[in-house]
Amino acid sequence: MPWSEHSGSLPRLGADLLRTALAGIVVAAVSSCGQGGAGKWFPNRAANGHVGKMLLRNVFILVPSASPAPRTTGGASAAGSAPLYFSLVNEARSADRLVSVSASGVATSVRIVGGPIVVPPRKAVFGSEFPQATLEGLSSPLRPPHRVQVRFVFEHAGTATMNVPIKLHANTPWSTFSLTPSPAPPGRPTPSVTSPR
């Protein structure tokens, strides 16, 4: 299935709106996406794409602004792992499932926190302040403004490969998000599921 990617920054988007959007508050109907294209969903400062009827929104990797390790200073992730955030919008009339995520050449594996994510038909699934996945076994530290090619595989929609931006955590609009998964059982916070208006 074909996929497309959109990214950009709108100067009028404030930090509060950004945090609200990423936290899972829908500010545009899913039906408007179908009318205006995948790039017409709510504005954000991360990567956006789609494959089939599945929209991927606000996709980004979060790293600390500095690491105590000498070779990972200046906005680099400590070699090991890095959190991956994203939101999913299913425009199809049947449920779909995110079955795997990978970042070949950058991470040995990408773990979906809590296992595959089911996206109900005509609904949006958002995370919280905790990441939905983690890149593990990093081959080198991650630093902005570089991007990471991340591959999302859905059971029905197909595969989307996106160039995902790296964002700094501290003293930025991204500082409200966690660098580690939720410690609460069952290992992943319950996502917010929203129906289109």
N, C-alpha and C. Protein backbone atom coordinates (compact mmCIF):
# COMPACT_ATOMS: atom_id res chain seq x y z
N MET A 1 0.84 -1.20 0.00
CA MET A 1 0.00 0.00 0.00
C MET A 1 0.88 1.24 0.00
N PRO A 2 0.42 2.30 -0.69
CA PRO A 2 1.22 3.52 -0.73
C PRO A 2 1.18 4.23 0.60
N TRP A 3 2.19 5.02 0.87
CA TRP A 3 2.21 5.81 2.09
C TRP A 3 2.73 7.18 1.76
N SER A 4 2.37 8.14 2.59
CA SER A 4 2.89 9.49 2.40
C SER A 4 3.25 10.06 3.75
N GLU A 5 4.12 11.07 3.73
CA GLU A 5 4.61 11.65 4.97
C GLU A 5 4.53 13.16 4.89
N HIS A 6 4.16 13.77 5.99
CA HIS A 6 4.07 15.22 6.06
C HIS A 6 4.70 15.67 7.36
N SER A 7 5.43 16.75 7.35
CA SER A 7 5.95 17.28 8.60
C SER A 7 6.07 18.79 8.44
N GLY A 8 6.05 19.47 9.57
CA GLY A 8 6.17 20.91 9.48
C GLY A 8 5.87 21.56 10.81
N SER A 9 6.05 22.86 10.86
CA SER A 9 5.83 23.61 12.08
C SER A 9 5.03 24.85 11.74
N LEU A 10 3.93 25.08 12.47
CA LEU A 10 3.13 26.26 12.25
C LEU A 10 3.48 27.30 13.31
N PRO A 11 3.85 28.51 12.91
CA PRO A 11 4.31 29.51 13.88
C PRO A 11 3.25 29.90 14.89
N ARG A 12 1.97 29.75 14.52
CA ARG A 12 0.93 30.16 15.45
C ARG A 12 0.62 29.09 16.49
N LEU A 13 1.19 27.93 16.37
CA LEU A 13 0.93 26.85 17.32
C LEU A 13 1.75 27.06 18.58
N GLY A 14 1.08 27.33 19.69
CA GLY A 14 1.78 27.55 20.95
C GLY A 14 2.13 26.25 21.63
N ALA A 15 2.98 26.37 22.63
CA ALA A 15 3.42 25.18 23.36
C ALA A 15 2.26 24.49 24.05
N ASP A 16 1.29 25.27 24.57
CA ASP A 16 0.16 24.66 25.27
C ASP A 16 -0.69 23.84 24.31
N LEU A 17 -0.95 24.38 23.13
CA LEU A 17 -1.74 23.65 22.15
C LEU A 17 -1.01 22.40 21.71
N LEU A 18 0.29 22.51 21.55
CA LEU A 18 1.08 21.36 21.15
C LEU A 18 0.98 20.25 22.18
N ARG A 19 1.17 20.61 23.44
CA ARG A 19 1.09 19.61 24.50
C ARG A 19 -0.30 18.98 24.55
N THR A 20 -1.35 19.81 24.39
CA THR A 20 -2.71 19.30 24.43
C THR A 20 -2.96 18.32 23.30
N ALA A 21 -2.52 18.70 22.09
CA ALA A 21 -2.74 17.83 20.94
C ALA A 21 -2.03 16.51 21.11
N LEU A 22 -0.79 16.55 21.58
CA LEU A 22 -0.01 15.33 21.74
C LEU A 22 -0.54 14.47 22.87
N ALA A 23 -1.19 15.08 23.84
CA ALA A 23 -1.73 14.32 24.96
C ALA A 23 -3.00 13.57 24.58
N GLY A 24 -3.57 13.88 23.39
CA GLY A 24 -4.69 13.08 22.94
C GLY A 24 -6.01 13.79 22.84
N ILE A 25 -6.01 15.12 22.75
CA ILE A 25 -7.25 15.85 22.60
C ILE A 25 -7.50 16.09 21.11
N VAL A 26 -8.60 15.57 20.61
CA VAL A 26 -8.91 15.73 19.20
C VAL A 26 -9.43 17.13 18.94
N VAL A 27 -8.85 17.83 17.99
CA VAL A 27 -9.29 19.17 17.65
C VAL A 27 -9.75 19.23 16.22
N ALA A 28 -9.82 18.08 15.55
CA ALA A 28 -10.39 18.02 14.21
C ALA A 28 -11.04 16.67 14.03
N ALA A 29 -12.10 16.61 13.28
CA ALA A 29 -12.81 15.35 13.07
C ALA A 29 -12.06 14.47 12.10
N VAL A 30 -12.16 13.17 12.31
CA VAL A 30 -11.52 12.24 11.40
C VAL A 30 -12.14 12.35 10.02
N SER A 31 -13.42 12.67 9.97
CA SER A 31 -14.07 12.79 8.66
C SER A 31 -13.47 13.89 7.83
N SER A 32 -12.97 14.94 8.46
CA SER A 32 -12.36 16.03 7.71
C SER A 32 -11.04 15.61 7.10
N CYS A 33 -10.40 14.59 7.72
CA CYS A 33 -9.16 14.08 7.14
C CYS A 33 -9.44 13.46 5.80
N GLY A 34 -10.54 12.70 5.72
CA GLY A 34 -10.85 12.05 4.48
C GLY A 34 -11.18 13.04 3.39
N GLN A 35 -11.79 14.18 3.76
CA GLN A 35 -12.16 15.19 2.78
C GLN A 35 -10.96 16.02 2.36
N GLY A 36 -10.03 16.29 3.29
CA GLY A 36 -8.95 17.20 2.97
C GLY A 36 -7.61 16.55 2.79
N GLY A 37 -7.53 15.24 2.97
CA GLY A 37 -6.25 14.55 2.81
C GLY A 37 -5.58 14.33 4.15
N ALA A 38 -4.58 13.47 4.15
CA ALA A 38 -3.92 13.07 5.40
C ALA A 38 -3.19 14.22 6.05
N GLY A 39 -2.81 15.23 5.28
CA GLY A 39 -2.06 16.35 5.85
C GLY A 39 -2.92 17.40 6.50
N LYS A 40 -4.26 17.21 6.50
CA LYS A 40 -5.18 18.22 7.01
C LYS A 40 -5.59 18.00 8.44
N TRP A 41 -4.98 17.05 9.14
CA TRP A 41 -5.35 16.83 10.52
C TRP A 41 -4.74 17.90 11.39
N PHE A 42 -4.95 17.83 12.71
CA PHE A 42 -4.53 18.95 13.55
C PHE A 42 -3.02 19.21 13.42
N PRO A 43 -2.61 20.49 13.46
CA PRO A 43 -1.21 20.85 13.26
C PRO A 43 -0.34 20.38 14.42
N ASN A 44 0.91 20.07 14.11
CA ASN A 44 1.85 19.64 15.13
C ASN A 44 3.26 19.86 14.62
N ARG A 45 4.23 19.64 15.49
CA ARG A 45 5.63 19.86 15.14
C ARG A 45 6.39 18.55 15.06
N ALA A 46 5.70 17.48 14.73
CA ALA A 46 6.33 16.18 14.59
C ALA A 46 6.05 15.67 13.17
N ALA A 47 6.27 14.37 12.94
CA ALA A 47 6.05 13.80 11.62
C ALA A 47 4.62 13.29 11.49
N ASN A 48 4.11 13.32 10.26
CA ASN A 48 2.76 12.87 9.98
C ASN A 48 2.77 12.04 8.70
N GLY A 49 2.00 10.99 8.66
CA GLY A 49 1.93 10.16 7.46
C GLY A 49 0.67 9.34 7.45
N HIS A 50 0.51 8.53 6.41
CA HIS A 50 -0.62 7.62 6.36
C HIS A 50 -0.31 6.43 5.46
N VAL A 51 -0.99 5.34 5.72
CA VAL A 51 -0.95 4.18 4.84
C VAL A 51 -2.37 3.65 4.79
N GLY A 52 -2.92 3.55 3.58
CA GLY A 52 -4.31 3.16 3.45
C GLY A 52 -5.21 4.12 4.21
N LYS A 53 -6.05 3.57 5.06
CA LYS A 53 -6.98 4.38 5.86
C LYS A 53 -6.45 4.68 7.26
N MET A 54 -5.18 4.36 7.50
CA MET A 54 -4.59 4.60 8.82
C MET A 54 -3.71 5.85 8.77
N LEU A 55 -4.01 6.79 9.65
CA LEU A 55 -3.22 8.02 9.75
C LEU A 55 -2.27 7.91 10.94
N LEU A 56 -1.04 8.36 10.74
CA LEU A 56 -0.07 8.44 11.83
C LEU A 56 0.21 9.91 12.08
N ARG A 57 0.04 10.35 13.31
CA ARG A 57 0.17 11.76 13.64
C ARG A 57 1.09 11.96 14.84
N ASN A 58 1.77 13.11 14.84
CA ASN A 58 2.62 13.50 15.97
C ASN A 58 3.65 12.43 16.31
N VAL A 59 4.36 11.96 15.31
CA VAL A 59 5.35 10.90 15.53
C VAL A 59 6.70 11.56 15.83
N PHE A 60 7.29 11.23 16.98
CA PHE A 60 8.59 11.81 17.32
C PHE A 60 9.33 10.93 18.31
N ILE A 61 10.63 11.09 18.34
CA ILE A 61 11.50 10.40 19.29
C ILE A 61 12.01 11.44 20.28
N LEU A 62 12.00 11.11 21.56
CA LEU A 62 12.37 12.07 22.59
C LEU A 62 13.73 11.69 23.19
N VAL A 63 14.60 12.68 23.33
CA VAL A 63 15.91 12.45 23.94
C VAL A 63 16.18 13.53 24.99
N PRO A 64 17.00 13.20 26.00
CA PRO A 64 17.34 14.23 26.99
C PRO A 64 18.17 15.33 26.37
N SER A 65 18.12 16.52 26.95
CA SER A 65 18.86 17.64 26.38
C SER A 65 20.36 17.45 26.54
N ALA A 66 20.75 16.65 27.53
CA ALA A 66 22.17 16.36 27.73
C ALA A 66 22.28 15.06 28.50
N SER A 67 23.34 14.36 28.27
CA SER A 67 23.57 13.10 28.97
C SER A 67 24.90 13.19 29.70
N PRO A 68 25.03 12.57 30.88
CA PRO A 68 26.29 12.64 31.61
C PRO A 68 27.44 11.92 30.92
N ALA A 69 27.12 10.98 30.01
CA ALA A 69 28.19 10.28 29.29
C ALA A 69 28.90 11.24 28.35
N PRO A 70 30.23 11.29 28.36
CA PRO A 70 30.97 12.26 27.56
C PRO A 70 30.60 12.27 26.08
N ARG A 71 30.37 11.11 25.50
CA ARG A 71 30.12 11.09 24.07
C ARG A 71 28.66 11.29 23.72
N THR A 72 27.82 11.55 24.74
CA THR A 72 26.41 11.74 24.44
C THR A 72 25.90 13.09 24.94
N THR A 73 26.79 14.07 24.98
CA THR A 73 26.37 15.39 25.42
C THR A 73 25.79 16.18 24.25
N GLY A 74 25.23 17.34 24.57
CA GLY A 74 24.73 18.22 23.53
C GLY A 74 23.46 17.71 22.88
N GLY A 75 22.52 17.17 23.68
CA GLY A 75 21.26 16.73 23.14
C GLY A 75 21.31 15.36 22.53
N ALA A 76 22.04 14.46 23.08
CA ALA A 76 22.12 13.10 22.56
C ALA A 76 21.42 12.14 23.49
N SER A 77 20.86 11.08 22.93
CA SER A 77 20.28 10.04 23.78
C SER A 77 21.41 9.16 24.28
N ALA A 78 21.27 8.69 25.51
CA ALA A 78 22.25 7.73 26.00
C ALA A 78 22.12 6.46 25.19
N ALA A 79 23.24 5.89 24.78
CA ALA A 79 23.18 4.66 24.01
C ALA A 79 22.42 3.63 24.81
N GLY A 80 21.43 3.03 24.23
CA GLY A 80 20.59 2.07 24.92
C GLY A 80 19.19 2.12 24.38
N SER A 81 18.41 3.11 24.77
CA SER A 81 17.02 3.19 24.31
C SER A 81 16.57 4.63 24.20
N ALA A 82 15.45 4.81 23.50
CA ALA A 82 14.85 6.14 23.34
C ALA A 82 13.35 5.96 23.13
N PRO A 83 12.52 6.80 23.76
CA PRO A 83 11.07 6.66 23.64
C PRO A 83 10.55 7.17 22.30
N LEU A 84 9.53 6.48 21.80
CA LEU A 84 8.87 6.84 20.54
C LEU A 84 7.40 7.15 20.84
N TYR A 85 6.97 8.32 20.41
CA TYR A 85 5.58 8.77 20.60
C TYR A 85 4.86 8.82 19.26
N PHE A 86 3.55 8.53 19.27
CA PHE A 86 2.75 8.65 18.05
C PHE A 86 1.27 8.57 18.41
N SER A 87 0.44 9.00 17.46
CA SER A 87 -1.01 8.87 17.57
C SER A 87 -1.50 8.18 16.30
N LEU A 88 -2.55 7.39 16.42
CA LEU A 88 -3.08 6.63 15.30
C LEU A 88 -4.55 6.98 15.09
N VAL A 89 -4.93 7.18 13.84
CA VAL A 89 -6.32 7.49 13.50
C VAL A 89 -6.77 6.51 12.41
N ASN A 90 -7.78 5.72 12.70
CA ASN A 90 -8.27 4.72 11.76
C ASN A 90 -9.51 5.24 11.06
N GLU A 91 -9.38 5.55 9.78
CA GLU A 91 -10.53 6.03 9.01
C GLU A 91 -11.33 4.88 8.40
N ALA A 92 -10.88 3.66 8.55
CA ALA A 92 -11.55 2.51 7.95
C ALA A 92 -12.80 2.14 8.76
N ARG A 93 -13.63 1.29 8.15
CA ARG A 93 -14.86 0.84 8.81
C ARG A 93 -14.65 -0.46 9.59
N SER A 94 -13.41 -0.91 9.66
CA SER A 94 -13.08 -2.11 10.44
C SER A 94 -11.84 -1.83 11.27
N ALA A 95 -11.69 -2.55 12.36
CA ALA A 95 -10.56 -2.34 13.25
C ALA A 95 -9.25 -2.77 12.58
N ASP A 96 -8.17 -2.16 13.02
CA ASP A 96 -6.84 -2.53 12.54
C ASP A 96 -5.93 -2.64 13.74
N ARG A 97 -4.70 -3.13 13.50
CA ARG A 97 -3.79 -3.38 14.61
C ARG A 97 -2.37 -3.05 14.20
N LEU A 98 -1.69 -2.26 15.03
CA LEU A 98 -0.26 -2.03 14.83
C LEU A 98 0.46 -3.23 15.39
N VAL A 99 1.08 -4.03 14.51
CA VAL A 99 1.67 -5.29 14.95
C VAL A 99 3.17 -5.20 15.22
N SER A 100 3.86 -4.26 14.55
CA SER A 100 5.29 -4.15 14.80
C SER A 100 5.81 -2.79 14.38
N VAL A 101 6.93 -2.41 14.98
CA VAL A 101 7.64 -1.17 14.64
C VAL A 101 9.12 -1.51 14.59
N SER A 102 9.85 -0.93 13.64
CA SER A 102 11.28 -1.20 13.54
C SER A 102 12.02 0.05 13.09
N ALA A 103 13.31 0.11 13.39
CA ALA A 103 14.18 1.21 12.98
C ALA A 103 15.51 0.60 12.60
N SER A 104 15.55 -0.04 11.43
CA SER A 104 16.72 -0.78 10.99
C SER A 104 17.94 0.11 10.88
N GLY A 105 19.07 -0.39 11.39
CA GLY A 105 20.31 0.35 11.35
C GLY A 105 20.49 1.34 12.48
N VAL A 106 19.44 1.59 13.23
CA VAL A 106 19.48 2.54 14.34
C VAL A 106 19.25 1.82 15.67
N ALA A 107 18.28 0.93 15.70
CA ALA A 107 17.95 0.19 16.91
C ALA A 107 17.84 -1.29 16.58
N THR A 108 18.30 -2.14 17.49
CA THR A 108 18.20 -3.58 17.24
C THR A 108 16.76 -4.05 17.29
N SER A 109 15.92 -3.31 18.03
CA SER A 109 14.50 -3.63 18.10
C SER A 109 13.72 -2.41 18.55
N VAL A 110 12.42 -2.44 18.28
CA VAL A 110 11.51 -1.42 18.80
C VAL A 110 10.39 -2.16 19.53
N ARG A 111 10.27 -1.86 20.81
CA ARG A 111 9.26 -2.54 21.62
C ARG A 111 8.01 -1.68 21.74
N ILE A 112 6.87 -2.24 21.31
CA ILE A 112 5.59 -1.58 21.54
C ILE A 112 5.20 -1.86 22.98
N VAL A 113 5.08 -0.83 23.77
CA VAL A 113 4.84 -0.99 25.20
C VAL A 113 3.46 -1.62 25.41
N GLY A 114 3.44 -2.80 26.00
CA GLY A 114 2.17 -3.48 26.25
C GLY A 114 1.72 -4.36 25.11
N GLY A 115 2.45 -4.40 24.00
CA GLY A 115 2.09 -5.27 22.89
C GLY A 115 1.36 -4.53 21.79
N PRO A 116 0.94 -5.26 20.74
CA PRO A 116 0.27 -4.65 19.59
C PRO A 116 -0.88 -3.74 20.01
N ILE A 117 -1.08 -2.66 19.26
CA ILE A 117 -2.10 -1.67 19.58
C ILE A 117 -3.28 -1.83 18.62
N VAL A 118 -4.46 -2.06 19.16
CA VAL A 118 -5.68 -2.18 18.35
C VAL A 118 -6.29 -0.79 18.18
N VAL A 119 -6.62 -0.45 16.93
CA VAL A 119 -7.26 0.83 16.64
C VAL A 119 -8.67 0.53 16.13
N PRO A 120 -9.70 0.83 16.90
CA PRO A 120 -11.08 0.54 16.48
C PRO A 120 -11.46 1.31 15.22
N PRO A 121 -12.48 0.85 14.50
CA PRO A 121 -12.91 1.55 13.28
C PRO A 121 -13.41 2.95 13.56
N ARG A 122 -12.99 3.87 12.69
CA ARG A 122 -13.43 5.27 12.78
C ARG A 122 -13.14 5.90 14.13
N LYS A 123 -12.01 5.51 14.72
CA LYS A 123 -11.61 6.08 16.00
C LYS A 123 -10.13 6.44 16.00
N ALA A 124 -9.77 7.28 16.96
CA ALA A 124 -8.38 7.70 17.12
C ALA A 124 -7.86 7.16 18.44
N VAL A 125 -6.65 6.62 18.42
CA VAL A 125 -6.02 6.10 19.64
C VAL A 125 -4.78 6.93 19.93
N PHE A 126 -4.75 7.51 21.12
CA PHE A 126 -3.65 8.37 21.53
C PHE A 126 -2.98 7.76 22.76
N GLY A 127 -1.77 8.15 22.99
CA GLY A 127 -1.09 7.77 24.20
C GLY A 127 -1.34 8.81 25.28
N SER A 128 -0.40 8.90 26.18
CA SER A 128 -0.49 9.88 27.26
C SER A 128 0.86 10.56 27.34
N GLU A 129 1.28 10.91 28.55
CA GLU A 129 2.61 11.51 28.69
C GLU A 129 3.70 10.45 28.65
N PHE A 130 3.31 9.17 28.52
CA PHE A 130 4.27 8.08 28.42
C PHE A 130 4.35 7.58 26.98
N PRO A 131 5.51 7.10 26.57
CA PRO A 131 5.68 6.68 25.17
C PRO A 131 4.92 5.40 24.85
N GLN A 132 4.53 5.27 23.59
CA GLN A 132 3.84 4.08 23.13
C GLN A 132 4.82 2.97 22.74
N ALA A 133 6.09 3.35 22.49
CA ALA A 133 7.09 2.37 22.10
C ALA A 133 8.47 2.89 22.50
N THR A 134 9.45 1.99 22.49
CA THR A 134 10.83 2.39 22.78
C THR A 134 11.77 1.76 21.77
N LEU A 135 12.70 2.57 21.29
CA LEU A 135 13.78 2.06 20.45
C LEU A 135 14.83 1.50 21.38
N GLU A 136 15.20 0.25 21.19
CA GLU A 136 16.14 -0.42 22.09
C GLU A 136 17.37 -0.89 21.33
N GLY A 137 18.49 -0.95 22.06
CA GLY A 137 19.74 -1.37 21.44
C GLY A 137 20.22 -0.39 20.38
N LEU A 138 20.25 0.90 20.74
CA LEU A 138 20.66 1.93 19.79
C LEU A 138 22.12 1.71 19.36
N SER A 139 22.37 1.88 18.08
CA SER A 139 23.72 1.70 17.55
C SER A 139 24.61 2.89 17.86
N SER A 140 24.00 4.07 18.08
CA SER A 140 24.74 5.28 18.41
C SER A 140 23.79 6.27 19.06
N PRO A 141 24.30 7.29 19.74
CA PRO A 141 23.42 8.29 20.34
C PRO A 141 22.59 9.02 19.28
N LEU A 142 21.41 9.45 19.67
CA LEU A 142 20.52 10.18 18.78
C LEU A 142 20.56 11.66 19.11
N ARG A 143 20.67 12.50 18.09
CA ARG A 143 20.75 13.94 18.29
C ARG A 143 19.87 14.65 17.28
N PRO A 144 19.12 15.67 17.71
CA PRO A 144 18.44 16.53 16.74
C PRO A 144 19.49 17.40 16.04
N PRO A 145 19.26 17.85 14.82
CA PRO A 145 18.00 17.75 14.07
C PRO A 145 17.91 16.52 13.18
N HIS A 146 18.68 15.49 13.45
CA HIS A 146 18.63 14.29 12.62
C HIS A 146 17.28 13.60 12.76
N ARG A 147 16.97 12.77 11.77
CA ARG A 147 15.74 11.99 11.76
C ARG A 147 16.07 10.51 11.69
N VAL A 148 15.13 9.71 12.14
CA VAL A 148 15.29 8.26 12.14
C VAL A 148 14.21 7.65 11.26
N GLN A 149 14.59 6.76 10.38
CA GLN A 149 13.61 6.07 9.54
C GLN A 149 12.96 4.96 10.35
N VAL A 150 11.67 5.08 10.57
CA VAL A 150 10.93 4.13 11.39
C VAL A 150 9.84 3.48 10.53
N ARG A 151 9.71 2.18 10.67
CA ARG A 151 8.77 1.39 9.88
C ARG A 151 7.64 0.90 10.77
N PHE A 152 6.40 1.26 10.43
CA PHE A 152 5.21 0.84 11.16
C PHE A 152 4.46 -0.20 10.31
N VAL A 153 4.15 -1.35 10.90
CA VAL A 153 3.45 -2.40 10.17
C VAL A 153 2.08 -2.63 10.80
N PHE A 154 1.03 -2.45 9.99
CA PHE A 154 -0.35 -2.65 10.43
C PHE A 154 -0.91 -3.94 9.83
N GLU A 155 -1.79 -4.59 10.56
CA GLU A 155 -2.33 -5.87 10.12
C GLU A 155 -3.08 -5.75 8.81
N HIS A 156 -3.83 -4.67 8.62
CA HIS A 156 -4.65 -4.52 7.42
C HIS A 156 -4.19 -3.36 6.53
N ALA A 157 -3.86 -2.24 7.11
CA ALA A 157 -3.52 -1.05 6.31
C ALA A 157 -2.21 -1.24 5.54
N GLY A 158 -1.28 -2.00 6.09
CA GLY A 158 0.00 -2.20 5.43
C GLY A 158 1.15 -1.57 6.20
N THR A 159 2.16 -1.13 5.47
CA THR A 159 3.40 -0.63 6.07
C THR A 159 3.64 0.83 5.72
N ALA A 160 3.98 1.62 6.71
CA ALA A 160 4.36 3.02 6.52
C ALA A 160 5.79 3.21 7.02
N THR A 161 6.62 3.80 6.20
CA THR A 161 8.00 4.12 6.60
C THR A 161 8.13 5.63 6.68
N MET A 162 8.50 6.13 7.85
CA MET A 162 8.52 7.57 8.08
C MET A 162 9.88 8.02 8.59
N ASN A 163 10.27 9.23 8.21
CA ASN A 163 11.47 9.87 8.75
C ASN A 163 11.06 10.66 9.98
N VAL A 164 11.35 10.12 11.14
CA VAL A 164 10.83 10.64 12.41
C VAL A 164 11.82 11.60 13.05
N PRO A 165 11.37 12.81 13.42
CA PRO A 165 12.29 13.77 14.04
C PRO A 165 12.65 13.40 15.47
N ILE A 166 13.82 13.88 15.89
CA ILE A 166 14.30 13.71 17.26
C ILE A 166 14.08 15.02 18.00
N LYS A 167 13.43 14.96 19.16
CA LYS A 167 13.11 16.16 19.93
C LYS A 167 13.83 16.15 21.27
N LEU A 168 14.26 17.35 21.69
CA LEU A 168 14.89 17.49 23.00
C LEU A 168 13.84 17.55 24.09
N HIS A 169 14.16 16.96 25.24
CA HIS A 169 13.19 16.85 26.33
C HIS A 169 13.14 18.07 27.23
N ALA A 170 14.25 18.46 27.81
CA ALA A 170 14.25 19.49 28.85
C ALA A 170 14.12 20.90 28.27
N ASN A 171 13.38 21.73 29.02
CA ASN A 171 13.24 23.16 28.69
C ASN A 171 12.69 23.39 27.30
N THR A 172 11.80 22.51 26.86
CA THR A 172 11.14 22.66 25.57
C THR A 172 9.68 22.29 25.75
N PRO A 173 8.83 22.52 24.72
CA PRO A 173 7.43 22.07 24.83
C PRO A 173 7.30 20.57 25.03
N TRP A 174 8.36 19.80 24.78
CA TRP A 174 8.31 18.35 24.88
C TRP A 174 8.64 17.86 26.30
N SER A 175 8.92 18.79 27.22
CA SER A 175 9.38 18.38 28.55
C SER A 175 8.29 17.75 29.40
N THR A 176 7.02 17.87 29.00
CA THR A 176 5.94 17.25 29.77
C THR A 176 5.82 15.76 29.49
N PHE A 177 6.58 15.27 28.52
CA PHE A 177 6.50 13.85 28.16
C PHE A 177 7.64 13.07 28.80
N SER A 178 7.36 11.83 29.14
CA SER A 178 8.32 11.01 29.86
C SER A 178 9.36 10.40 28.93
N LEU A 179 10.58 10.23 29.46
CA LEU A 179 11.64 9.55 28.71
C LEU A 179 11.59 8.04 28.92
N THR A 180 10.71 7.58 29.81
CA THR A 180 10.60 6.14 30.09
C THR A 180 9.14 5.73 30.06
N PRO A 181 8.85 4.45 29.77
CA PRO A 181 7.47 3.97 29.78
C PRO A 181 6.85 4.06 31.16
N SER A 182 5.53 3.99 31.20
CA SER A 182 4.82 4.04 32.46
C SER A 182 5.17 2.85 33.33
N PRO A 183 5.45 3.08 34.64
CA PRO A 183 5.75 1.96 35.55
C PRO A 183 4.51 1.22 36.00
N ALA A 184 3.33 1.77 35.67
CA ALA A 184 2.09 1.18 36.16
C ALA A 184 1.73 -0.07 35.37
N PRO A 185 1.22 -1.10 36.03
CA PRO A 185 0.76 -2.29 35.30
C PRO A 185 -0.46 -1.94 34.45
N PRO A 186 -0.69 -2.62 33.32
CA PRO A 186 0.01 -3.81 32.84
C PRO A 186 1.19 -3.51 31.95
N GLY A 187 1.81 -2.37 32.11
CA GLY A 187 3.01 -2.05 31.34
C GLY A 187 2.77 -0.98 30.30
N ARG A 188 1.53 -0.63 30.05
CA ARG A 188 1.26 0.45 29.11
C ARG A 188 0.04 1.19 29.59
N PRO A 189 0.07 2.53 29.64
CA PRO A 189 -1.13 3.26 30.04
C PRO A 189 -2.23 3.02 29.04
N THR A 190 -3.48 2.94 29.53
CA THR A 190 -4.59 2.75 28.63
C THR A 190 -4.70 3.94 27.69
N PRO A 191 -4.66 3.68 26.35
CA PRO A 191 -4.72 4.80 25.42
C PRO A 191 -6.07 5.45 25.41
N SER A 192 -6.11 6.69 25.02
CA SER A 192 -7.37 7.41 24.87
C SER A 192 -7.92 7.07 23.49
N VAL A 193 -9.17 6.60 23.46
CA VAL A 193 -9.82 6.26 22.20
C VAL A 193 -10.94 7.24 21.96
N THR A 194 -10.89 7.93 20.83
CA THR A 194 -11.82 9.01 20.57
C THR A 194 -12.56 8.76 19.27
N SER A 195 -13.88 8.93 19.31
CA SER A 195 -14.67 8.82 18.10
C SER A 195 -14.71 10.14 17.37
N PRO A 196 -14.76 10.12 16.02
CA PRO A 196 -14.85 11.38 15.28
C PRO A 196 -16.20 12.02 15.50
N ARG A 197 -16.19 13.34 15.43
CA ARG A 197 -17.44 14.07 15.59
C ARG A 197 -18.17 14.10 14.26
